[in-house]
Every structure is written in C-alpha cells, then in structure tokens.
Amino acid sequence: MGGKMSGSAAEGWNKERVEIGVLGLGVVGSGTVQLLQRNRAEIERKIGIPFRIKRIAVRDLYKQRAVTVDRALLTTDAGEILDDPDIDIVCELIGGVDPAKEFVLRALRNGKQVVTANKEMIAKEGHLLMEEASARSLDFQFEGSVAGGIPIIQPMKNALAGNRVVEVMGIINGTTNYILTKMSQERANFGDVLREAQEHGYAEADPTSDIGGFDAQYKIAILASIAFTSRVHVQDIYVEGITGIEAADIEAARELGYVIKLVGIARRVDDDRMQVRVHPALLPQSHPLASTNGVYNAVLVRGDSVGDVMFYGRGAGSGPTGSAVVGDIMDVCRNLRSGSTGRVACTCFEHRSVQPIAEVVTRHYLRMTVEDRPKVLAAIATVLGENDISIESVVQKATHSGLAEIVWVTHEAPSLRVVQALEEIVRLDVVQSVANWIRVEA
C-alpha cells in the first residue's frame, strides 16, 4: 500500500494485515509491545485482521529492555518507519515535543495513522497535528496521554459528547498523589516522602515536572480542550505544585475534615470563558476525589445530562499506559478495515478565554504564625474584612515560645482579594509569617 492516500485515508485499503511501526521502547513503548505480544491472538480476533510490528526505532540498539523483542526489528533511524510505504500505523512513544512533533507530522504527511501517548506534545502542538490529520482523513489517537490506563479521552469524545460539560476535575498525577497520601497516612514531611518515591520509582530523579504541577498542566489542557471544544494554551493555565505543602497543613486539613490533593480543574464560567488551573486544594473528606490515594488517578466529569461520572484507575506506568495505546491501535485497525479513518476530527472550534486566576472565586485556607497575645485575631480579621473576605472558621493551634499558629478558612472570595489581604497581614507587627495559602474546593 502506497504512502499517501486520496479521499478517505483508508479508501481502497485491502491489505491482509496491519503493519505497525513503533517510535520508542522505553516505559510506555515496552508496555505497548509487551501487551501486543502477550494478547496477540485475542486482539486479532477483536479487530478482525492480523497485525505485525514491523519496525521499532530506538536510540540504543543494545540497551537492556523490559520487553524481549527480535533485535532485527530495531533501528536507530526513525525514517525507516516514517517513510516505509508498507507501515500503516505509527506509534509515537518517545515523549517531549522535539523531535516527536516533526516525526508525527512526517508520518501524517506520508499518509500514516498515528497513535501517541505524548501529553506535552498534545498539550502544546495538538491543534496543529489534529488539523493535519483531519485534512488527510487520518486517525490521530492519544488516549494514553492522560491518566494512563483510565479511559477518558474516548469517552469524552464519544459516549459523553452529547452533554454540555460544565466541569472536569481530576487527580491526574500519580507521583504527587503518592507523596500527599504518604504525608497524610504517615504524618511524614515532604522531603522524606519524595526521596522514598524516587527510591520506589514513583518519582523521577528530576521530579520537577510532577511536583511542580507541569505534568498535570499538560493533562488538564487536553481534557479542557475536549470538554469545552476550545483550544487551550498551556501558558494560560495557572500552575502551582506541592513543594509548599507541609505536614502541619496535612494535619490541620484533617482536623477540619479535609484532605489535600493536587487537582487539575477545568470549569465552564460562561459561554465565552473557562477556568483551567492546577494547584493543591483542600477537598472535603466526602468529595468523590478525596479517597483517591497512592499512585491512582481519578477524573470527575460533570455533564448537564449525565450528571457526575467518575473515572478511576492507575494513572501511569508501563502496563496501564500501554493498555491505552493498544486500545487506540485497535480502534485504528477497525477504522482501516471499514474505510472510516479520520471520522472524529479536532473539535476545538470555539475560542474561549481562560479566566485569570486573580478572578477565580473559591474558599481559602490560610495558616500563619503570630504572637500569642490579645487582639491578634481581631487585627487579622479586620484586614480580611476590609478586603471583603468573610471568615468561615478560625482555629488556634498550640503555642510555643510566645507564638501561636492560627488557621483560617474563609468564605468564597476572588484570589486577588486574598493576595491584597495577605500583603497587609504580613506587615502587621503581630504576624511573624504567613506559612501557607491553599484554595478550598467543594
């Protein structure tokens, strides 16, 4: 079968088997190849046609890998996959934007269907790639880019597509959820738990993308663009990681009936605006996401007709993400057989703006260290009141060396008012420090 196709990308496709090329044999690539090998017979029965992994592009031919493959399949030249006229599906599993983006464009321009699990590339360049695929009636699938093995992209694009989605909220990074869970269960501090997560392979040697919230930023950008049929620019998303969360915050939250989670939130504001943000939040212990612990992920989708729908499972790793990639491969194979590739095109046809974080209205948790003497509470409450921030509750913690720790939970107020109030509060003579400020979600 030749490279470029006219009309439908699968028009006239009558091959006896599907030929697959894989770019990358790391964690996700290994999981994908292993699953294709292990469940080959069952997969072929389900898709109704044989398949073959024809070529796998890697950086190092001799590296020890988690999956056993015939070394004759390996190549260091991605062009052997991208330009091979016999390869029908290209699986891009190398990650990052460069050179992945150019590889995908090259594959699409050569008339190949593409499956990827590359969240950063989809978040930053997905609009361009999907338009390229749509113009050529090609499939461009990316289920594995968000929440590992949890089916979320396809359900939102298909089963839930008739709904007007009003909110998507999720715990979409397993590393940070593991850290916060351990801090809560073992009353441990952030640094110790991070080192333990690295030792167990749950956190990278450089964990910045996870603990800084950037991994979740890419994922919520993808989910928001699907939910609200609008392109979301990554740079417009407010991001705050978990490095400032202390054991004292975990304990205070518990006493108040909350848990602390790193959440990605996409919320419809009105017809023209949406909220898209990533930050730690206090969730009530009764919240659907509150019991999601360890490396597990969960996504809550709220639609106008379906109501609340929860998706829960392992959010990362070789097996779970490989499962999502293989599911996409199978879907593409069925589309090839039926001549219906490219049937679900890019749906980002709206132009909604992202509401600035300063305008976002939530409740707020404030923890501060103050002098333990009369009228301190009144002085701080006065500043909050002058900034139109009302107080829901206040708790004074144990004193030491003439100091007291006070935890405030406010009623709803825009973030800008809290910023202004805190700037005044830290200048009060009776306030030693503002230790933390965390948003509270219902």
Protein backbone atom coordinates (compact mmCIF):
# COMPACT_ATOMS: atom_id res chain seq x y z
CA MET A 1 0.00 0.00 0.00
CA GLY A 2 1.48 3.35 -1.00
CA GLY A 3 2.26 6.19 1.35
CA LYS A 4 -0.21 8.98 0.59
CA MET A 5 -3.89 8.27 0.06
CA SER A 6 -6.58 10.28 -1.67
CA GLY A 7 -10.12 10.78 -0.40
CA SER A 8 -10.60 8.81 2.80
CA ALA A 9 -7.17 7.85 4.11
CA ALA A 10 -8.27 4.22 4.17
CA GLU A 11 -10.03 4.26 0.80
CA GLY A 12 -9.16 1.10 -1.08
CA TRP A 13 -7.29 -0.33 1.91
CA ASN A 14 -7.40 -4.10 1.36
CA LYS A 15 -4.26 -5.47 2.92
CA GLU A 16 -4.16 -8.86 4.62
CA ARG A 17 -2.61 -7.47 7.80
CA VAL A 18 -1.90 -4.17 9.54
CA GLU A 19 1.74 -3.12 9.71
CA ILE A 20 2.79 -1.16 12.80
CA GLY A 21 5.89 0.93 13.46
CA VAL A 22 6.85 1.96 16.99
CA LEU A 23 8.95 5.01 17.88
CA GLY A 24 10.49 4.46 21.30
CA LEU A 25 10.87 1.41 23.51
CA GLY A 26 11.03 3.00 26.94
CA VAL A 27 8.46 2.58 29.70
CA VAL A 28 5.37 3.11 27.52
CA GLY A 29 6.84 1.55 24.39
CA SER A 30 7.80 -1.58 26.30
CA GLY A 31 4.36 -1.87 27.85
CA THR A 32 2.70 -1.44 24.47
CA VAL A 33 4.85 -4.02 22.67
CA GLN A 34 4.56 -6.48 25.55
CA LEU A 35 0.77 -6.28 25.53
CA LEU A 36 0.59 -6.65 21.75
CA GLN A 37 2.79 -9.75 22.02
CA ARG A 38 1.05 -11.32 25.01
CA ASN A 39 -2.55 -10.85 23.87
CA ARG A 40 -1.93 -11.04 20.13
CA ALA A 41 -4.47 -13.78 19.32
CA GLU A 42 -7.28 -12.15 21.29
CA ILE A 43 -6.53 -8.70 19.86
CA GLU A 44 -6.57 -10.05 16.30
CA ARG A 45 -9.92 -11.76 16.91
CA LYS A 46 -11.37 -8.49 18.21
CA ILE A 47 -10.13 -6.32 15.34
CA GLY A 48 -10.79 -8.96 12.70
CA ILE A 49 -7.38 -8.77 10.99
CA PRO A 50 -3.80 -9.87 11.74
CA PHE A 51 -1.20 -7.27 12.63
CA ARG A 52 2.58 -7.17 12.76
CA ILE A 53 5.09 -4.91 14.47
CA LYS A 54 7.35 -4.33 11.52
CA ARG A 55 9.91 -1.92 12.98
CA ILE A 56 10.86 -0.30 16.29
CA ALA A 57 13.02 2.83 16.42
CA VAL A 58 15.29 3.23 19.46
CA ARG A 59 18.30 5.34 20.43
CA ASP A 60 20.46 2.41 21.56
CA LEU A 61 20.26 -0.97 19.83
CA TYR A 62 21.98 -2.79 22.69
CA LYS A 63 20.24 -1.35 25.75
CA GLN A 64 18.64 -3.83 28.16
CA ARG A 65 14.87 -3.50 27.97
CA ALA A 66 11.81 -4.57 29.93
CA VAL A 67 10.42 -6.45 26.92
CA THR A 68 12.03 -9.12 24.74
CA VAL A 69 11.98 -8.32 21.03
CA ASP A 70 13.78 -9.64 17.98
CA ARG A 71 16.81 -7.38 17.62
CA ALA A 72 16.29 -7.45 13.84
CA LEU A 73 13.18 -5.29 14.40
CA LEU A 74 15.22 -2.49 15.96
CA THR A 75 16.61 0.52 14.14
CA THR A 76 18.13 3.85 15.16
CA ASP A 77 16.70 5.52 12.05
CA ALA A 78 13.13 6.75 12.60
CA GLY A 79 12.90 7.32 8.85
CA GLU A 80 12.75 3.56 8.33
CA ILE A 81 9.31 3.74 9.96
CA LEU A 82 8.11 7.18 8.90
CA ASP A 83 8.92 6.69 5.22
CA ASP A 84 8.13 2.99 4.86
CA PRO A 85 5.14 2.78 2.47
CA ASP A 86 4.05 -0.56 3.98
CA ILE A 87 3.63 0.74 7.55
CA ASP A 88 0.03 1.70 8.28
CA ILE A 89 0.18 2.89 11.90
CA VAL A 90 2.96 4.84 13.60
CA CYS A 91 3.04 4.76 17.42
CA GLU A 92 4.96 7.77 18.74
CA LEU A 93 6.10 6.86 22.26
CA ILE A 94 9.30 8.87 22.70
CA GLY A 95 7.80 11.84 24.57
CA GLY A 96 8.60 15.55 24.54
CA VAL A 97 7.97 17.99 21.72
CA ASP A 98 11.18 17.70 19.71
CA PRO A 99 11.71 15.64 17.61
CA ALA A 100 8.35 13.95 18.28
CA LYS A 101 6.28 16.71 16.65
CA GLU A 102 8.28 16.57 13.40
CA PHE A 103 8.14 12.78 13.38
CA VAL A 104 4.34 12.86 13.72
CA LEU A 105 3.95 15.50 11.00
CA ARG A 106 6.16 13.44 8.72
CA ALA A 107 4.11 10.32 9.39
CA LEU A 108 0.83 12.13 8.71
CA ARG A 109 2.16 13.67 5.52
CA ASN A 110 3.13 10.18 4.40
CA GLY A 111 -0.49 9.08 4.88
CA LYS A 112 0.01 7.10 8.10
CA GLN A 113 -2.37 6.76 11.02
CA VAL A 114 -0.81 7.95 14.30
CA VAL A 115 -1.19 6.82 17.89
CA THR A 116 0.64 8.68 20.66
CA ALA A 117 0.80 8.92 24.45
CA ASN A 118 2.72 12.20 24.39
CA LYS A 119 0.92 14.62 26.73
CA GLU A 120 3.35 17.51 26.33
CA MET A 121 3.22 17.38 22.54
CA ILE A 122 -0.59 17.13 22.52
CA ALA A 123 -0.97 19.99 25.01
CA LYS A 124 1.41 22.30 23.14
CA GLU A 125 1.06 21.26 19.48
CA GLY A 126 -2.02 19.04 19.35
CA HIS A 127 -4.15 21.55 17.48
CA LEU A 128 -1.67 21.69 14.59
CA LEU A 129 -1.30 17.91 14.46
CA MET A 130 -5.03 17.23 14.60
CA GLU A 131 -5.68 19.71 11.80
CA GLU A 132 -3.03 17.95 9.70
CA ALA A 133 -4.64 14.57 10.36
CA SER A 134 -8.13 15.90 9.66
CA ALA A 135 -7.09 17.43 6.34
CA ARG A 136 -5.88 13.98 5.25
CA SER A 137 -8.76 11.95 6.80
CA LEU A 138 -6.28 10.19 9.08
CA ASP A 139 -6.70 8.89 12.61
CA PHE A 140 -4.74 10.69 15.32
CA GLN A 141 -5.36 8.97 18.65
CA PHE A 142 -3.97 9.93 22.07
CA GLU A 143 -5.85 8.10 24.84
CA GLY A 144 -2.59 7.30 26.64
CA SER A 145 -1.69 10.97 27.05
CA VAL A 146 -3.94 11.47 30.09
CA ALA A 147 -4.44 9.27 33.16
CA GLY A 148 -2.54 6.20 31.95
CA GLY A 149 -4.85 3.21 31.62
CA ILE A 150 -8.03 5.09 32.55
CA PRO A 151 -10.30 5.53 29.51
CA ILE A 152 -11.12 9.25 29.49
CA ILE A 153 -10.31 10.77 26.07
CA GLN A 154 -12.51 8.41 24.03
CA PRO A 155 -15.47 8.55 26.47
CA MET A 156 -15.40 12.35 26.42
CA LYS A 157 -15.12 12.46 22.62
CA ASN A 158 -17.81 9.84 22.03
CA ALA A 159 -20.04 8.48 24.82
CA LEU A 160 -20.33 11.83 26.64
CA ALA A 161 -20.16 14.04 23.54
CA GLY A 162 -23.87 14.89 23.63
CA ASN A 163 -23.50 16.54 27.02
CA ARG A 164 -22.68 20.15 27.73
CA VAL A 165 -19.76 19.55 30.06
CA VAL A 166 -19.66 22.06 32.88
CA GLU A 167 -16.65 20.77 34.80
CA VAL A 168 -13.76 18.33 34.67
CA MET A 169 -11.79 17.88 37.87
CA GLY A 170 -9.12 15.31 38.45
CA ILE A 171 -6.20 13.90 40.35
CA ILE A 172 -4.09 13.33 37.28
CA ASN A 173 -0.54 12.92 38.56
CA GLY A 174 0.33 9.74 40.41
CA THR A 175 3.64 10.97 41.83
CA THR A 176 2.15 13.92 43.70
CA ASN A 177 -0.82 11.87 44.84
CA TYR A 178 1.54 9.22 46.23
CA ILE A 179 3.53 11.88 48.09
CA LEU A 180 0.48 13.60 49.59
CA THR A 181 -1.07 10.26 50.54
CA LYS A 182 2.09 9.15 52.36
CA MET A 183 2.39 12.51 54.10
CA SER A 184 -1.19 12.12 55.30
CA GLN A 185 -1.05 8.47 56.34
CA GLU A 186 2.38 8.54 57.96
CA ARG A 187 2.48 12.18 59.09
CA ALA A 188 5.81 12.46 57.24
CA ASN A 189 7.38 15.56 55.72
CA PHE A 190 7.59 16.33 52.02
CA GLY A 191 11.33 15.80 51.54
CA ASP A 192 11.40 12.34 53.15
CA VAL A 193 8.42 11.10 51.14
CA LEU A 194 9.85 12.48 47.89
CA ARG A 195 13.10 10.56 48.44
CA GLU A 196 11.10 7.39 49.14
CA ALA A 197 9.05 7.92 45.97
CA GLN A 198 12.27 8.22 43.97
CA GLU A 199 13.66 5.04 45.52
CA HIS A 200 10.49 3.13 44.52
CA GLY A 201 10.48 4.55 41.00
CA TYR A 202 7.31 6.61 41.54
CA ALA A 203 9.23 9.86 41.06
CA GLU A 204 11.93 10.75 38.54
CA ALA A 205 15.47 11.70 39.54
CA ASP A 206 14.42 15.21 38.49
CA PRO A 207 10.83 15.36 39.77
CA THR A 208 10.17 18.97 38.74
CA SER A 209 7.53 18.18 36.11
CA ASP A 210 5.49 16.21 38.65
CA ILE A 211 5.88 18.10 41.92
CA GLY A 212 5.84 21.45 40.12
CA GLY A 213 2.43 20.65 38.61
CA PHE A 214 3.56 20.82 34.97
CA ASP A 215 2.65 17.21 34.13
CA ALA A 216 -0.87 17.87 35.40
CA GLN A 217 -0.88 21.15 33.47
CA TYR A 218 -0.45 19.33 30.16
CA LYS A 219 -3.15 16.82 31.03
CA ILE A 220 -5.79 19.32 32.14
CA ALA A 221 -5.09 21.35 28.98
CA ILE A 222 -6.02 18.29 26.92
CA LEU A 223 -9.14 17.50 28.95
CA ALA A 224 -10.32 21.12 28.94
CA SER A 225 -9.92 21.44 25.17
CA ILE A 226 -12.13 18.38 24.66
CA ALA A 227 -14.66 19.32 27.35
CA PHE A 228 -15.19 22.86 26.14
CA THR A 229 -14.45 22.35 22.42
CA SER A 230 -11.88 25.12 22.59
CA ARG A 231 -8.15 25.30 22.13
CA VAL A 232 -6.37 25.78 25.46
CA HIS A 233 -2.96 27.43 25.50
CA VAL A 234 -0.73 25.82 28.11
CA GLN A 235 0.77 29.16 29.11
CA ASP A 236 -2.69 30.43 30.13
CA ILE A 237 -3.10 27.73 32.79
CA TYR A 238 -2.30 28.70 36.38
CA VAL A 239 0.08 26.14 37.88
CA GLU A 240 1.13 25.63 41.48
CA GLY A 241 2.91 22.49 42.68
CA ILE A 242 3.06 20.74 46.05
CA THR A 243 6.52 21.77 47.26
CA GLY A 244 5.00 24.21 49.74
CA ILE A 245 2.74 21.66 51.42
CA GLU A 246 3.92 20.87 54.95
CA ALA A 247 2.94 18.20 57.45
CA ALA A 248 1.26 20.94 59.50
CA ASP A 249 -1.10 21.66 56.58
CA ILE A 250 -1.97 17.98 56.18
CA GLU A 251 -2.77 17.73 59.89
CA ALA A 252 -4.76 20.97 60.00
CA ALA A 253 -6.78 19.88 56.97
CA ARG A 254 -7.54 16.54 58.64
CA GLU A 255 -8.78 18.26 61.80
CA LEU A 256 -11.04 20.49 59.71
CA GLY A 257 -12.48 17.50 57.79
CA TYR A 258 -10.47 17.87 54.58
CA VAL A 259 -7.70 16.15 52.62
CA ILE A 260 -5.11 17.94 50.47
CA LYS A 261 -4.77 16.87 46.84
CA LEU A 262 -3.10 18.29 43.75
CA VAL A 263 -6.03 18.81 41.39
CA GLY A 264 -6.48 19.84 37.80
CA ILE A 265 -9.68 21.83 37.34
CA ALA A 266 -11.43 22.85 34.12
CA ARG A 267 -14.70 24.66 34.72
CA ARG A 268 -17.10 26.44 32.37
CA VAL A 269 -17.56 30.05 33.54
CA ASP A 270 -19.91 31.25 30.80
CA ASP A 271 -20.26 30.91 27.04
CA ASP A 272 -17.01 32.77 26.43
CA ARG A 273 -14.77 31.86 29.36
CA MET A 274 -13.43 28.85 31.21
CA GLN A 275 -11.26 28.19 34.25
CA VAL A 276 -8.27 25.92 33.71
CA ARG A 277 -5.93 25.58 36.68
CA VAL A 278 -3.65 23.20 38.61
CA HIS A 279 -2.92 23.63 42.32
CA PRO A 280 -3.18 21.92 45.71
CA ALA A 281 -6.65 22.10 47.20
CA LEU A 282 -8.43 21.16 50.37
CA LEU A 283 -11.21 18.72 49.45
CA PRO A 284 -13.92 17.68 51.91
CA GLN A 285 -13.40 14.09 53.02
CA SER A 286 -16.78 13.31 51.41
CA HIS A 287 -15.65 14.61 47.99
CA PRO A 288 -15.62 11.94 45.23
CA LEU A 289 -11.88 12.51 44.66
CA ALA A 290 -10.86 12.58 48.32
CA SER A 291 -10.41 8.82 48.67
CA THR A 292 -8.15 8.51 45.61
CA ASN A 293 -4.84 7.54 47.18
CA GLY A 294 -1.34 6.37 46.29
CA VAL A 295 -0.38 6.35 42.61
CA TYR A 296 -4.00 6.12 41.49
CA ASN A 297 -5.68 8.78 39.37
CA ALA A 298 -9.32 9.81 39.16
CA VAL A 299 -11.23 12.17 36.90
CA LEU A 300 -14.69 13.57 37.66
CA VAL A 301 -16.70 14.77 34.65
CA ARG A 302 -19.88 16.77 35.24
CA GLY A 303 -22.32 16.95 32.31
CA ASP A 304 -25.68 18.66 32.00
CA SER A 305 -27.48 15.41 31.22
CA VAL A 306 -25.36 12.59 32.63
CA GLY A 307 -24.56 14.34 35.93
CA ASP A 308 -21.37 13.24 37.66
CA VAL A 309 -19.27 10.46 36.08
CA MET A 310 -16.09 9.16 37.74
CA PHE A 311 -13.13 7.50 36.02
CA TYR A 312 -10.64 5.80 38.34
CA GLY A 313 -7.56 3.63 37.95
CA ARG A 314 -3.79 3.51 37.58
CA GLY A 315 -2.70 6.75 36.03
CA ALA A 316 0.76 5.90 34.78
CA GLY A 317 3.25 3.13 34.18
CA SER A 318 4.20 0.67 31.50
CA GLY A 319 1.16 -1.59 31.69
CA PRO A 320 -1.65 0.94 32.19
CA THR A 321 -0.42 3.42 29.57
CA GLY A 322 0.46 0.58 27.20
CA SER A 323 -3.14 -0.61 27.60
CA ALA A 324 -4.44 2.78 26.45
CA VAL A 325 -2.09 2.82 23.46
CA VAL A 326 -3.12 -0.67 22.39
CA GLY A 327 -6.78 0.32 22.68
CA ASP A 328 -6.11 3.17 20.26
CA ILE A 329 -4.23 0.86 17.89
CA MET A 330 -7.20 -1.50 17.85
CA ASP A 331 -9.60 1.34 17.12
CA VAL A 332 -7.43 2.50 14.22
CA CYS A 333 -7.28 -1.06 12.84
CA ARG A 334 -11.07 -1.26 12.82
CA ASN A 335 -11.27 2.12 11.09
CA LEU A 336 -8.78 0.98 8.45
CA ARG A 337 -10.82 -2.14 7.72
CA SER A 338 -14.07 -0.18 7.41
CA GLY A 339 -12.56 2.72 5.44
CA SER A 340 -13.55 5.22 8.13
CA THR A 341 -10.32 6.74 9.38
CA GLY A 342 -10.41 10.39 10.40
CA ARG A 343 -14.09 10.23 11.36
CA VAL A 344 -13.58 12.03 14.72
CA ALA A 345 -11.78 15.23 13.82
CA CYS A 346 -10.50 18.01 16.06
CA THR A 347 -13.43 19.58 17.93
CA CYS A 348 -11.65 22.77 19.05
CA PHE A 349 -13.94 25.07 17.08
CA GLU A 350 -14.68 27.53 19.91
CA HIS A 351 -12.47 30.38 21.10
CA ARG A 352 -12.97 30.61 24.84
CA SER A 353 -10.58 32.60 27.01
CA VAL A 354 -9.12 31.31 30.28
CA GLN A 355 -10.24 33.27 33.33
CA PRO A 356 -7.24 34.82 35.12
CA ILE A 357 -6.51 33.17 38.46
CA ALA A 358 -6.93 36.55 40.21
CA GLU A 359 -10.64 36.45 39.30
CA VAL A 360 -11.25 32.83 40.33
CA VAL A 361 -13.58 32.62 43.32
CA THR A 362 -13.03 29.88 45.91
CA ARG A 363 -12.86 29.46 49.66
CA HIS A 364 -9.38 29.76 51.14
CA TYR A 365 -7.25 28.12 53.83
CA LEU A 366 -4.70 30.42 55.49
CA ARG A 367 -2.12 29.27 58.04
CA MET A 368 0.02 31.82 59.85
CA THR A 369 2.32 32.16 62.86
CA VAL A 370 1.53 35.09 65.14
CA GLU A 371 2.39 36.50 68.54
CA ASP A 372 0.33 34.87 71.27
CA ARG A 373 -1.27 37.93 72.83
CA PRO A 374 -4.67 39.69 72.94
CA LYS A 375 -6.23 41.42 69.90
CA VAL A 376 -4.17 39.48 67.33
CA LEU A 377 -7.20 37.68 65.94
CA ALA A 378 -9.10 40.93 65.79
CA ALA A 379 -6.30 42.70 63.90
CA ILE A 380 -6.11 39.98 61.24
CA ALA A 381 -9.90 39.67 60.99
CA THR A 382 -10.11 43.42 60.44
CA VAL A 383 -7.74 43.22 57.46
CA LEU A 384 -9.71 40.34 55.97
CA GLY A 385 -12.96 42.23 56.46
CA GLU A 386 -11.60 45.39 54.88
CA ASN A 387 -10.84 43.28 51.79
CA ASP A 388 -14.39 41.88 51.74
CA ILE A 389 -13.28 38.42 52.87
CA SER A 390 -15.59 36.83 55.42
CA ILE A 391 -14.43 34.15 57.83
CA GLU A 392 -15.98 30.68 57.97
CA SER A 393 -13.83 29.29 60.79
CA VAL A 394 -10.68 30.01 62.75
CA VAL A 395 -8.61 27.59 64.83
CA GLN A 396 -5.70 28.49 67.11
CA LYS A 397 -3.10 25.77 67.40
CA ALA A 398 -0.70 25.02 70.27
CA THR A 399 1.56 27.85 71.38
CA HIS A 400 5.32 27.78 71.78
CA SER A 401 7.89 30.44 72.70
CA GLY A 402 5.26 33.13 72.84
CA LEU A 403 3.94 32.28 69.37
CA ALA A 404 0.68 30.73 68.18
CA GLU A 405 -0.36 29.13 64.91
CA ILE A 406 -3.71 30.22 63.51
CA VAL A 407 -5.62 28.51 60.72
CA TRP A 408 -8.36 30.43 58.94
CA VAL A 409 -10.91 29.11 56.45
CA THR A 410 -12.71 31.87 54.58
CA HIS A 411 -15.93 32.04 52.66
CA GLU A 412 -15.73 32.44 48.89
CA ALA A 413 -13.64 35.32 47.62
CA PRO A 414 -11.62 36.12 44.48
CA SER A 415 -7.94 35.23 44.70
CA LEU A 416 -6.98 38.88 44.09
CA ARG A 417 -8.62 39.94 47.36
CA VAL A 418 -6.70 37.28 49.26
CA VAL A 419 -3.42 38.44 47.71
CA GLN A 420 -4.17 42.01 48.74
CA ALA A 421 -5.17 40.98 52.27
CA LEU A 422 -2.07 38.84 52.78
CA GLU A 423 0.16 41.70 51.65
CA GLU A 424 -1.33 43.76 54.51
CA ILE A 425 -1.37 40.93 57.03
CA VAL A 426 2.36 40.17 56.72
CA ARG A 427 3.07 43.82 57.56
CA LEU A 428 1.26 43.59 60.89
CA ASP A 429 3.67 43.68 63.83
CA VAL A 430 1.90 40.74 65.47
CA VAL A 431 2.31 38.43 62.45
CA GLN A 432 5.58 36.54 62.19
CA SER A 433 4.79 34.75 58.89
CA VAL A 434 2.07 33.51 56.59
CA ALA A 435 3.03 29.85 56.33
CA ASN A 436 0.58 28.77 53.63
CA TRP A 437 -2.41 29.66 51.49
CA ILE A 438 -4.35 26.83 49.84
CA ARG A 439 -7.61 27.03 47.94
CA VAL A 440 -10.62 25.06 49.22
CA GLU A 441 -12.84 23.24 46.70
CA ALA A 442 -16.33 21.96 47.41
